[in-house]
Amino acid sequence: MAIDPHDARATLDRLGPELRERVAEAAQRLEVPGVAVGISFGGHEDYASYGVTSVTNPLPVDEHTLFQIGSTGKTFTGTAMMALVERGLVDLNAPVRKYLPDLELQDEYVTAHVTVGQLLNHTSGWAGDFFLDGGYGDDALANYVARLAEAPQEHPLGERVSYSNSAVSVAGRVIEVVTDQTFEAAVRELVLEPLG
């Protein structure tokens, strides 16, 4: 696809049909029920969408369809944390309790010794798919982390890598405490605004 930076709208108009064709082809090939792609170029936007929201609730997908962000949020969490490390506000080798002194887990050794880095590299050892409803308020992460003492320790700290939604949630809470902001506000300031 050729891109003409001098005439963004005309470029997007010209490339739009090919984009929509590629999106539809990829969705069909990968058996994705629905997808939306957005492009922002030179102050102009274009969208390509295909399919339905789900096979059980088949609403058409368009540029206004909301999708769950899922594990993509881990990228934002890690990037925000590294911005804090770069600023000298977080040490990846420091125990999490340095930032969350009230942290309580089932295993007291893990509670005292788990590091911020181990939250991000998935070696904390406690149940990674420990799903609790922390609510929808600004205190959702704090509520969730306060209940992590209920999460079973599945293997010793640092022994193995095990994908951990719960550990990354604790990292999000560290970000909140260090920045004195909600996770969303901190990510906006540390990641999204610098990216423009």
N, C-alpha and C. Protein backbone atom coordinates (compact mmCIF):
# COMPACT_ATOMS: atom_id res chain seq x y z
N MET A 1 0.83 -1.18 0.00
CA MET A 1 0.00 0.00 0.00
C MET A 1 0.88 1.25 0.00
N ALA A 2 0.70 2.08 -1.00
CA ALA A 2 1.45 3.33 -1.07
C ALA A 2 0.76 4.38 -0.21
N ILE A 3 1.57 5.15 0.51
CA ILE A 3 1.01 6.17 1.39
C ILE A 3 1.51 7.53 0.96
N ASP A 4 0.59 8.45 0.73
CA ASP A 4 0.90 9.81 0.34
C ASP A 4 0.67 10.72 1.55
N PRO A 5 1.76 11.10 2.26
CA PRO A 5 1.58 11.91 3.47
C PRO A 5 1.06 13.31 3.20
N HIS A 6 1.11 13.76 1.94
CA HIS A 6 0.66 15.11 1.61
C HIS A 6 -0.84 15.21 1.42
N ASP A 7 -1.49 14.10 1.17
CA ASP A 7 -2.93 14.11 0.98
C ASP A 7 -3.52 12.91 1.71
N ALA A 8 -3.56 13.03 3.04
CA ALA A 8 -3.96 11.91 3.89
C ALA A 8 -5.36 11.41 3.57
N ARG A 9 -6.31 12.31 3.41
CA ARG A 9 -7.69 11.88 3.16
C ARG A 9 -7.79 11.09 1.85
N ALA A 10 -7.17 11.60 0.80
CA ALA A 10 -7.21 10.90 -0.49
C ALA A 10 -6.52 9.54 -0.38
N THR A 11 -5.43 9.48 0.37
CA THR A 11 -4.72 8.22 0.55
C THR A 11 -5.60 7.21 1.27
N LEU A 12 -6.24 7.65 2.35
CA LEU A 12 -7.12 6.73 3.08
C LEU A 12 -8.29 6.30 2.22
N ASP A 13 -8.85 7.22 1.46
CA ASP A 13 -9.98 6.86 0.57
C ASP A 13 -9.54 5.83 -0.47
N ARG A 14 -8.33 6.00 -0.98
CA ARG A 14 -7.83 5.09 -2.01
C ARG A 14 -7.50 3.72 -1.42
N LEU A 15 -6.96 3.71 -0.20
CA LEU A 15 -6.54 2.45 0.41
C LEU A 15 -7.67 1.74 1.15
N GLY A 16 -8.75 2.45 1.44
CA GLY A 16 -9.86 1.88 2.21
C GLY A 16 -10.40 0.58 1.67
N PRO A 17 -10.71 0.48 0.38
CA PRO A 17 -11.25 -0.78 -0.14
C PRO A 17 -10.29 -1.96 0.05
N GLU A 18 -9.00 -1.71 -0.17
CA GLU A 18 -8.02 -2.79 0.02
C GLU A 18 -7.93 -3.19 1.49
N LEU A 19 -7.96 -2.20 2.39
CA LEU A 19 -7.94 -2.49 3.81
C LEU A 19 -9.13 -3.35 4.20
N ARG A 20 -10.33 -2.96 3.77
CA ARG A 20 -11.53 -3.73 4.11
C ARG A 20 -11.44 -5.15 3.55
N GLU A 21 -10.90 -5.29 2.36
CA GLU A 21 -10.75 -6.62 1.76
C GLU A 21 -9.77 -7.47 2.56
N ARG A 22 -8.66 -6.88 2.97
CA ARG A 22 -7.67 -7.62 3.76
C ARG A 22 -8.21 -8.01 5.14
N VAL A 23 -8.93 -7.10 5.76
CA VAL A 23 -9.52 -7.40 7.07
C VAL A 23 -10.51 -8.55 6.96
N ALA A 24 -11.38 -8.51 5.95
CA ALA A 24 -12.37 -9.57 5.76
C ALA A 24 -11.68 -10.90 5.47
N GLU A 25 -10.66 -10.89 4.62
CA GLU A 25 -9.95 -12.12 4.28
C GLU A 25 -9.28 -12.72 5.51
N ALA A 26 -8.61 -11.90 6.29
CA ALA A 26 -7.93 -12.39 7.49
C ALA A 26 -8.93 -12.92 8.51
N ALA A 27 -10.03 -12.24 8.70
CA ALA A 27 -11.05 -12.69 9.66
C ALA A 27 -11.61 -14.05 9.24
N GLN A 28 -11.89 -14.21 7.96
CA GLN A 28 -12.41 -15.49 7.47
C GLN A 28 -11.37 -16.60 7.62
N ARG A 29 -10.13 -16.30 7.23
CA ARG A 29 -9.07 -17.31 7.31
C ARG A 29 -8.81 -17.74 8.76
N LEU A 30 -8.85 -16.79 9.68
CA LEU A 30 -8.56 -17.08 11.09
C LEU A 30 -9.81 -17.45 11.89
N GLU A 31 -10.96 -17.47 11.22
CA GLU A 31 -12.24 -17.82 11.84
C GLU A 31 -12.58 -16.91 13.01
N VAL A 32 -12.36 -15.61 12.81
CA VAL A 32 -12.68 -14.59 13.80
C VAL A 32 -14.11 -14.12 13.50
N PRO A 33 -15.01 -14.18 14.50
CA PRO A 33 -16.40 -13.78 14.24
C PRO A 33 -16.54 -12.31 13.84
N GLY A 34 -15.73 -11.44 14.45
CA GLY A 34 -15.85 -10.02 14.14
C GLY A 34 -14.59 -9.27 14.51
N VAL A 35 -14.32 -8.22 13.76
CA VAL A 35 -13.12 -7.42 14.00
C VAL A 35 -13.36 -6.00 13.49
N ALA A 36 -12.71 -5.05 14.15
CA ALA A 36 -12.73 -3.66 13.69
C ALA A 36 -11.30 -3.15 13.72
N VAL A 37 -10.92 -2.43 12.66
CA VAL A 37 -9.58 -1.86 12.55
C VAL A 37 -9.75 -0.38 12.28
N GLY A 38 -8.98 0.43 12.99
CA GLY A 38 -9.02 1.88 12.78
C GLY A 38 -7.65 2.39 12.39
N ILE A 39 -7.63 3.36 11.49
CA ILE A 39 -6.38 4.00 11.07
C ILE A 39 -6.54 5.50 11.24
N SER A 40 -5.57 6.11 11.88
CA SER A 40 -5.51 7.56 12.00
C SER A 40 -4.25 8.00 11.26
N PHE A 41 -4.42 8.88 10.27
CA PHE A 41 -3.30 9.29 9.44
C PHE A 41 -3.51 10.74 8.99
N GLY A 42 -2.55 11.57 9.31
CA GLY A 42 -2.62 12.96 8.87
C GLY A 42 -3.85 13.70 9.33
N GLY A 43 -4.36 13.36 10.51
CA GLY A 43 -5.55 14.02 11.04
C GLY A 43 -6.86 13.47 10.52
N HIS A 44 -6.80 12.39 9.76
CA HIS A 44 -8.01 11.77 9.21
C HIS A 44 -8.09 10.33 9.72
N GLU A 45 -9.31 9.81 9.76
CA GLU A 45 -9.54 8.45 10.24
C GLU A 45 -10.29 7.64 9.20
N ASP A 46 -10.01 6.33 9.21
CA ASP A 46 -10.76 5.40 8.38
C ASP A 46 -10.90 4.11 9.17
N TYR A 47 -11.95 3.37 8.88
CA TYR A 47 -12.24 2.14 9.62
C TYR A 47 -12.58 1.02 8.66
N ALA A 48 -12.22 -0.17 9.07
CA ALA A 48 -12.63 -1.37 8.35
C ALA A 48 -13.19 -2.32 9.40
N SER A 49 -14.36 -2.85 9.15
CA SER A 49 -14.95 -3.79 10.10
C SER A 49 -15.50 -4.98 9.34
N TYR A 50 -15.65 -6.05 10.09
CA TYR A 50 -16.12 -7.29 9.48
C TYR A 50 -16.85 -8.12 10.53
N GLY A 51 -17.92 -8.75 10.17
CA GLY A 51 -18.55 -9.77 10.98
C GLY A 51 -19.46 -9.27 12.07
N VAL A 52 -19.57 -10.12 13.11
CA VAL A 52 -20.51 -9.89 14.20
C VAL A 52 -19.78 -9.93 15.55
N THR A 53 -20.46 -9.39 16.57
CA THR A 53 -19.86 -9.30 17.90
C THR A 53 -19.58 -10.67 18.51
N SER A 54 -20.46 -11.62 18.28
CA SER A 54 -20.25 -12.98 18.76
C SER A 54 -21.23 -13.90 18.05
N VAL A 55 -20.94 -15.19 18.10
CA VAL A 55 -21.86 -16.12 17.43
C VAL A 55 -23.15 -16.28 18.22
N THR A 56 -23.11 -16.02 19.54
CA THR A 56 -24.32 -16.15 20.35
C THR A 56 -25.14 -14.87 20.39
N ASN A 57 -24.50 -13.73 20.12
CA ASN A 57 -25.18 -12.44 20.10
C ASN A 57 -24.72 -11.69 18.85
N PRO A 58 -25.18 -12.10 17.68
CA PRO A 58 -24.62 -11.62 16.42
C PRO A 58 -25.05 -10.21 16.01
N LEU A 59 -24.48 -9.22 16.67
CA LEU A 59 -24.71 -7.83 16.26
C LEU A 59 -23.59 -7.43 15.30
N PRO A 60 -23.89 -6.63 14.29
CA PRO A 60 -22.85 -6.24 13.34
C PRO A 60 -21.73 -5.43 14.01
N VAL A 61 -20.50 -5.71 13.63
CA VAL A 61 -19.35 -4.95 14.13
C VAL A 61 -19.17 -3.72 13.26
N ASP A 62 -18.94 -2.57 13.93
CA ASP A 62 -18.59 -1.35 13.21
C ASP A 62 -17.56 -0.59 14.03
N GLU A 63 -17.25 0.65 13.63
CA GLU A 63 -16.21 1.41 14.32
C GLU A 63 -16.58 1.80 15.75
N HIS A 64 -17.83 1.61 16.15
CA HIS A 64 -18.26 1.95 17.50
C HIS A 64 -18.35 0.72 18.42
N THR A 65 -18.10 -0.45 17.88
CA THR A 65 -18.18 -1.68 18.67
C THR A 65 -17.05 -1.70 19.70
N LEU A 66 -17.40 -2.00 20.95
CA LEU A 66 -16.41 -2.12 22.01
C LEU A 66 -16.00 -3.57 22.16
N PHE A 67 -14.71 -3.80 22.27
CA PHE A 67 -14.15 -5.12 22.50
C PHE A 67 -13.41 -5.10 23.83
N GLN A 68 -13.41 -6.23 24.53
CA GLN A 68 -12.61 -6.32 25.74
C GLN A 68 -11.13 -6.25 25.37
N ILE A 69 -10.37 -5.55 26.17
CA ILE A 69 -8.96 -5.39 25.88
C ILE A 69 -8.17 -6.65 26.24
N GLY A 70 -8.67 -7.41 27.21
CA GLY A 70 -8.00 -8.67 27.57
C GLY A 70 -6.55 -8.46 27.98
N SER A 71 -5.72 -9.39 27.63
CA SER A 71 -4.32 -9.37 28.05
C SER A 71 -3.48 -8.31 27.37
N THR A 72 -4.04 -7.60 26.42
CA THR A 72 -3.32 -6.46 25.84
C THR A 72 -3.01 -5.44 26.94
N GLY A 73 -3.83 -5.41 27.97
CA GLY A 73 -3.60 -4.50 29.09
C GLY A 73 -2.27 -4.75 29.78
N LYS A 74 -1.76 -5.97 29.72
CA LYS A 74 -0.47 -6.28 30.34
C LYS A 74 0.66 -5.47 29.70
N THR A 75 0.55 -5.20 28.41
CA THR A 75 1.55 -4.38 27.73
C THR A 75 1.54 -2.96 28.29
N PHE A 76 0.34 -2.42 28.51
CA PHE A 76 0.23 -1.08 29.08
C PHE A 76 0.77 -1.06 30.51
N THR A 77 0.46 -2.10 31.28
CA THR A 77 0.94 -2.16 32.66
C THR A 77 2.46 -2.21 32.70
N GLY A 78 3.05 -3.09 31.90
CA GLY A 78 4.50 -3.20 31.88
C GLY A 78 5.18 -1.92 31.41
N THR A 79 4.61 -1.28 30.40
CA THR A 79 5.19 -0.04 29.88
C THR A 79 5.09 1.07 30.92
N ALA A 80 3.96 1.19 31.58
CA ALA A 80 3.81 2.20 32.64
C ALA A 80 4.78 1.94 33.77
N MET A 81 4.93 0.67 34.16
CA MET A 81 5.86 0.34 35.24
C MET A 81 7.29 0.71 34.85
N MET A 82 7.67 0.43 33.61
CA MET A 82 9.03 0.75 33.19
C MET A 82 9.26 2.26 33.11
N ALA A 83 8.21 3.02 32.83
CA ALA A 83 8.33 4.48 32.88
C ALA A 83 8.63 4.93 34.31
N LEU A 84 7.99 4.26 35.28
CA LEU A 84 8.26 4.59 36.69
C LEU A 84 9.66 4.15 37.10
N VAL A 85 10.11 3.03 36.58
CA VAL A 85 11.48 2.57 36.85
C VAL A 85 12.47 3.59 36.28
N GLU A 86 12.23 4.02 35.05
CA GLU A 86 13.10 4.99 34.40
C GLU A 86 13.18 6.30 35.19
N ARG A 87 12.08 6.67 35.83
CA ARG A 87 12.05 7.90 36.63
C ARG A 87 12.62 7.70 38.03
N GLY A 88 13.00 6.47 38.35
CA GLY A 88 13.57 6.18 39.67
C GLY A 88 12.53 6.03 40.76
N LEU A 89 11.27 5.87 40.39
CA LEU A 89 10.20 5.76 41.39
C LEU A 89 9.88 4.32 41.78
N VAL A 90 10.30 3.36 40.97
CA VAL A 90 10.08 1.95 41.26
C VAL A 90 11.37 1.20 40.98
N ASP A 91 11.68 0.23 41.85
CA ASP A 91 12.83 -0.65 41.67
C ASP A 91 12.28 -2.05 41.42
N LEU A 92 12.58 -2.62 40.27
CA LEU A 92 12.05 -3.94 39.93
C LEU A 92 12.52 -5.02 40.91
N ASN A 93 13.66 -4.81 41.56
CA ASN A 93 14.18 -5.79 42.51
C ASN A 93 13.69 -5.59 43.93
N ALA A 94 12.92 -4.55 44.15
CA ALA A 94 12.40 -4.27 45.50
C ALA A 94 11.21 -5.17 45.79
N PRO A 95 11.06 -5.55 47.06
CA PRO A 95 9.85 -6.30 47.42
C PRO A 95 8.61 -5.45 47.17
N VAL A 96 7.55 -6.10 46.75
CA VAL A 96 6.29 -5.41 46.50
C VAL A 96 5.82 -4.69 47.75
N ARG A 97 6.10 -5.26 48.92
CA ARG A 97 5.66 -4.63 50.17
C ARG A 97 6.27 -3.25 50.40
N LYS A 98 7.35 -2.93 49.70
CA LYS A 98 7.90 -1.57 49.79
C LYS A 98 6.85 -0.57 49.32
N TYR A 99 6.05 -0.97 48.34
CA TYR A 99 5.04 -0.10 47.75
C TYR A 99 3.64 -0.39 48.28
N LEU A 100 3.41 -1.66 48.63
CA LEU A 100 2.11 -2.08 49.16
C LEU A 100 2.34 -2.74 50.52
N PRO A 101 2.58 -1.96 51.57
CA PRO A 101 2.91 -2.54 52.88
C PRO A 101 1.81 -3.43 53.46
N ASP A 102 0.57 -3.26 53.02
CA ASP A 102 -0.54 -4.07 53.54
C ASP A 102 -0.78 -5.34 52.74
N LEU A 103 0.08 -5.63 51.76
CA LEU A 103 -0.09 -6.83 50.94
C LEU A 103 -0.10 -8.08 51.81
N GLU A 104 -1.10 -8.92 51.63
CA GLU A 104 -1.21 -10.19 52.34
C GLU A 104 -1.50 -11.29 51.34
N LEU A 105 -0.68 -12.33 51.37
CA LEU A 105 -0.87 -13.51 50.53
C LEU A 105 -0.93 -14.73 51.43
N GLN A 106 -1.27 -15.88 50.89
CA GLN A 106 -1.36 -17.09 51.71
C GLN A 106 -0.01 -17.48 52.29
N ASP A 107 1.04 -17.29 51.51
CA ASP A 107 2.39 -17.69 51.93
C ASP A 107 3.13 -16.45 52.42
N GLU A 108 3.48 -16.42 53.71
CA GLU A 108 4.12 -15.25 54.30
C GLU A 108 5.50 -14.98 53.70
N TYR A 109 6.23 -16.04 53.35
CA TYR A 109 7.54 -15.84 52.72
C TYR A 109 7.36 -15.11 51.38
N VAL A 110 6.41 -15.55 50.59
CA VAL A 110 6.14 -14.92 49.30
C VAL A 110 5.69 -13.49 49.53
N THR A 111 4.81 -13.27 50.50
CA THR A 111 4.34 -11.92 50.80
C THR A 111 5.51 -10.98 51.06
N ALA A 112 6.48 -11.45 51.83
CA ALA A 112 7.62 -10.61 52.21
C ALA A 112 8.66 -10.46 51.10
N HIS A 113 8.77 -11.43 50.22
CA HIS A 113 9.88 -11.44 49.28
C HIS A 113 9.54 -11.25 47.80
N VAL A 114 8.29 -11.38 47.40
CA VAL A 114 7.96 -11.21 45.98
C VAL A 114 8.36 -9.81 45.54
N THR A 115 9.05 -9.72 44.39
CA THR A 115 9.51 -8.44 43.89
C THR A 115 8.59 -7.91 42.79
N VAL A 116 8.73 -6.64 42.52
CA VAL A 116 7.96 -6.03 41.44
C VAL A 116 8.28 -6.74 40.12
N GLY A 117 9.55 -7.05 39.91
CA GLY A 117 9.94 -7.75 38.68
C GLY A 117 9.26 -9.10 38.54
N GLN A 118 9.09 -9.81 39.65
CA GLN A 118 8.43 -11.11 39.60
C GLN A 118 6.94 -11.00 39.28
N LEU A 119 6.35 -9.86 39.60
CA LEU A 119 4.96 -9.64 39.18
C LEU A 119 4.88 -9.59 37.66
N LEU A 120 5.85 -8.92 37.05
CA LEU A 120 5.82 -8.70 35.61
C LEU A 120 6.34 -9.90 34.81
N ASN A 121 7.23 -10.71 35.42
CA ASN A 121 7.75 -11.85 34.66
C ASN A 121 7.03 -13.16 34.99
N HIS A 122 5.91 -13.05 35.71
CA HIS A 122 5.01 -14.18 35.96
C HIS A 122 5.67 -15.31 36.76
N THR A 123 6.47 -14.93 37.76
CA THR A 123 7.10 -15.95 38.61
C THR A 123 6.70 -15.82 40.08
N SER A 124 5.56 -15.18 40.36
CA SER A 124 5.11 -15.00 41.75
C SER A 124 4.68 -16.32 42.38
N GLY A 125 4.16 -17.22 41.58
CA GLY A 125 3.80 -18.56 42.08
C GLY A 125 2.39 -18.72 42.59
N TRP A 126 1.66 -17.64 42.83
CA TRP A 126 0.28 -17.83 43.30
C TRP A 126 -0.65 -17.97 42.09
N ALA A 127 -1.88 -18.36 42.36
CA ALA A 127 -2.85 -18.63 41.28
C ALA A 127 -2.97 -17.42 40.35
N GLY A 128 -2.65 -17.63 39.10
CA GLY A 128 -2.68 -16.54 38.14
C GLY A 128 -4.07 -16.22 37.62
N ASP A 129 -4.93 -17.22 37.60
CA ASP A 129 -6.31 -17.01 37.15
C ASP A 129 -7.23 -16.97 38.36
N PHE A 130 -6.95 -16.05 39.25
CA PHE A 130 -7.73 -15.87 40.46
C PHE A 130 -8.65 -14.68 40.23
N PHE A 131 -9.86 -14.96 39.81
CA PHE A 131 -10.78 -13.91 39.40
C PHE A 131 -11.77 -13.59 40.50
N LEU A 132 -11.72 -12.35 40.96
CA LEU A 132 -12.67 -11.82 41.94
C LEU A 132 -13.19 -10.50 41.40
N ASP A 133 -14.39 -10.17 41.75
CA ASP A 133 -14.96 -8.90 41.33
C ASP A 133 -14.56 -7.82 42.33
N GLY A 134 -13.70 -6.91 41.90
CA GLY A 134 -13.29 -5.79 42.74
C GLY A 134 -14.19 -4.58 42.59
N GLY A 135 -15.20 -4.73 41.75
CA GLY A 135 -16.12 -3.63 41.50
C GLY A 135 -15.67 -2.79 40.32
N TYR A 136 -16.41 -1.70 40.08
CA TYR A 136 -16.13 -0.84 38.94
C TYR A 136 -15.63 0.53 39.36
N GLY A 137 -15.44 0.76 40.63
CA GLY A 137 -15.01 2.07 41.10
C GLY A 137 -13.52 2.26 41.02
N ASP A 138 -13.08 3.43 41.43
CA ASP A 138 -11.66 3.75 41.43
C ASP A 138 -10.88 2.86 42.40
N ASP A 139 -11.58 2.17 43.29
CA ASP A 139 -10.93 1.30 44.27
C ASP A 139 -10.94 -0.17 43.85
N ALA A 140 -11.24 -0.45 42.59
CA ALA A 140 -11.36 -1.83 42.12
C ALA A 140 -10.08 -2.63 42.31
N LEU A 141 -8.93 -2.07 41.93
CA LEU A 141 -7.67 -2.80 42.10
C LEU A 141 -7.32 -2.96 43.58
N ALA A 142 -7.55 -1.94 44.36
CA ALA A 142 -7.28 -2.04 45.80
C ALA A 142 -8.14 -3.14 46.42
N ASN A 143 -9.42 -3.19 46.04
CA ASN A 143 -10.31 -4.23 46.55
C ASN A 143 -9.83 -5.62 46.15
N TYR A 144 -9.42 -5.75 44.90
CA TYR A 144 -8.94 -7.04 44.40
C TYR A 144 -7.69 -7.49 45.15
N VAL A 145 -6.70 -6.61 45.25
CA VAL A 145 -5.44 -6.95 45.90
C VAL A 145 -5.67 -7.28 47.38
N ALA A 146 -6.61 -6.60 48.01
CA ALA A 146 -6.90 -6.87 49.42
C ALA A 146 -7.41 -8.29 49.64
N ARG A 147 -7.94 -8.92 48.60
CA ARG A 147 -8.49 -10.28 48.74
C ARG A 147 -7.55 -11.37 48.23
N LEU A 148 -6.34 -10.99 47.82
CA LEU A 148 -5.43 -11.98 47.27
C LEU A 148 -4.95 -13.01 48.28
N ALA A 149 -5.16 -12.75 49.56
CA ALA A 149 -4.82 -13.77 50.56
C ALA A 149 -5.62 -15.05 50.34
N GLU A 150 -6.70 -14.95 49.58
CA GLU A 150 -7.52 -16.12 49.26
C GLU A 150 -6.94 -16.94 48.11
N ALA A 151 -5.98 -16.39 47.37
CA ALA A 151 -5.41 -17.08 46.21
C ALA A 151 -4.40 -18.12 46.65
N PRO A 152 -4.54 -19.36 46.21
CA PRO A 152 -3.59 -20.40 46.61
C PRO A 152 -2.22 -20.18 45.99
N GLN A 153 -1.18 -20.50 46.76
CA GLN A 153 0.19 -20.49 46.25
C GLN A 153 0.39 -21.82 45.53
N GLU A 154 0.58 -21.77 44.22
CA GLU A 154 0.63 -22.99 43.42
C GLU A 154 2.03 -23.58 43.29
N HIS A 155 3.05 -22.75 43.39
CA HIS A 155 4.43 -23.24 43.40
C HIS A 155 5.32 -22.19 44.04
N PRO A 156 6.52 -22.57 44.45
CA PRO A 156 7.38 -21.63 45.16
C PRO A 156 7.73 -20.39 44.34
N LEU A 157 7.92 -19.30 45.05
CA LEU A 157 8.28 -18.03 44.45
C LEU A 157 9.50 -18.18 43.55
N GLY A 158 9.38 -17.71 42.32
CA GLY A 158 10.50 -17.70 41.39
C GLY A 158 10.85 -19.03 40.77
N GLU A 159 10.14 -20.08 41.11
CA GLU A 159 10.51 -21.43 40.63
C GLU A 159 10.21 -21.64 39.15
N ARG A 160 9.08 -21.09 38.68
CA ARG A 160 8.72 -21.29 37.28
C ARG A 160 7.87 -20.12 36.79
N VAL A 161 7.81 -20.01 35.49
CA VAL A 161 6.98 -18.99 34.86
C VAL A 161 5.59 -19.58 34.69
N SER A 162 4.59 -18.85 35.18
CA SER A 162 3.20 -19.27 35.04
C SER A 162 2.37 -18.01 34.83
N TYR A 163 1.79 -17.89 33.65
CA TYR A 163 1.03 -16.70 33.25
C TYR A 163 0.10 -16.27 34.38
N SER A 164 0.21 -15.01 34.78
CA SER A 164 -0.48 -14.59 36.00
C SER A 164 -1.21 -13.27 35.83
N ASN A 165 -2.51 -13.37 35.60
CA ASN A 165 -3.36 -12.18 35.59
C ASN A 165 -3.32 -11.50 36.95
N SER A 166 -3.34 -12.28 38.02
CA SER A 166 -3.40 -11.70 39.36
C SER A 166 -2.13 -10.94 39.71
N ALA A 167 -0.97 -11.44 39.32
CA ALA A 167 0.28 -10.73 39.62
C ALA A 167 0.35 -9.41 38.87
N VAL A 168 -0.10 -9.40 37.63
CA VAL A 168 -0.09 -8.15 36.86
C VAL A 168 -1.10 -7.16 37.45
N SER A 169 -2.18 -7.67 38.02
CA SER A 169 -3.12 -6.78 38.72
C SER A 169 -2.45 -6.13 39.92
N VAL A 170 -1.62 -6.88 40.64
CA VAL A 170 -0.86 -6.30 41.76
C VAL A 170 0.09 -5.23 41.22
N ALA A 171 0.73 -5.49 40.09
CA ALA A 171 1.60 -4.48 39.48
C ALA A 171 0.81 -3.21 39.17
N GLY A 172 -0.41 -3.37 38.69
CA GLY A 172 -1.27 -2.22 38.44
C GLY A 172 -1.54 -1.43 39.71
N ARG A 173 -1.73 -2.14 40.80
CA ARG A 173 -1.95 -1.48 42.08
C ARG A 173 -0.69 -0.74 42.54
N VAL A 174 0.48 -1.32 42.30
CA VAL A 174 1.74 -0.62 42.61
C VAL A 174 1.79 0.69 41.84
N ILE A 175 1.42 0.66 40.58
CA ILE A 175 1.41 1.87 39.76
C ILE A 175 0.47 2.91 40.37
N GLU A 176 -0.70 2.47 40.80
CA GLU A 176 -1.65 3.42 41.42
C GLU A 176 -1.04 4.07 42.66
N VAL A 177 -0.44 3.27 43.53
CA VAL A 177 0.08 3.80 44.79
C VAL A 177 1.25 4.75 44.54
N VAL A 178 2.16 4.35 43.66
CA VAL A 178 3.34 5.18 43.39
C VAL A 178 2.96 6.51 42.75
N THR A 179 1.97 6.49 41.86
CA THR A 179 1.57 7.72 41.16
C THR A 179 0.48 8.49 41.89
N ASP A 180 -0.14 7.87 42.88
CA ASP A 180 -1.28 8.46 43.59
C ASP A 180 -2.40 8.83 42.61
N GLN A 181 -2.64 7.91 41.67
CA GLN A 181 -3.69 8.07 40.67
C GLN A 181 -4.37 6.72 40.46
N THR A 182 -5.50 6.76 39.79
CA THR A 182 -6.08 5.49 39.36
C THR A 182 -5.17 4.89 38.30
N PHE A 183 -5.29 3.58 38.10
CA PHE A 183 -4.51 2.90 37.08
C PHE A 183 -4.74 3.55 35.71
N GLU A 184 -6.00 3.82 35.40
CA GLU A 184 -6.34 4.39 34.10
C GLU A 184 -5.67 5.76 33.90
N ALA A 185 -5.72 6.60 34.92
CA ALA A 185 -5.11 7.93 34.82
C ALA A 185 -3.59 7.82 34.70
N ALA A 186 -2.99 6.89 35.44
CA ALA A 186 -1.54 6.72 35.37
C ALA A 186 -1.11 6.23 34.00
N VAL A 187 -1.83 5.27 33.43
CA VAL A 187 -1.49 4.77 32.09
C VAL A 187 -1.65 5.88 31.06
N ARG A 188 -2.69 6.67 31.22
CA ARG A 188 -2.88 7.81 30.29
C ARG A 188 -1.66 8.73 30.34
N GLU A 189 -1.22 9.07 31.55
CA GLU A 189 -0.11 10.00 31.72
C GLU A 189 1.23 9.39 31.32
N LEU A 190 1.46 8.14 31.71
CA LEU A 190 2.77 7.51 31.52
C LEU A 190 2.96 6.90 30.13
N VAL A 191 1.87 6.47 29.49
CA VAL A 191 2.00 5.74 28.24
C VAL A 191 1.30 6.44 27.08
N LEU A 192 0.01 6.69 27.21
CA LEU A 192 -0.77 7.17 26.07
C LEU A 192 -0.41 8.61 25.66
N GLU A 193 -0.32 9.52 26.63
CA GLU A 193 0.00 10.90 26.28
C GLU A 193 1.38 11.04 25.65
N PRO A 194 2.42 10.38 26.19
CA PRO A 194 3.73 10.47 25.51
C PRO A 194 3.71 9.92 24.08
N LEU A 195 2.82 8.97 23.82
CA LEU A 195 2.71 8.42 22.46
C LEU A 195 1.89 9.30 21.53
N GLY A 196 1.19 10.29 22.12
CA GLY A 196 0.37 11.17 21.31
C GLY A 196 -0.92 10.53 20.91
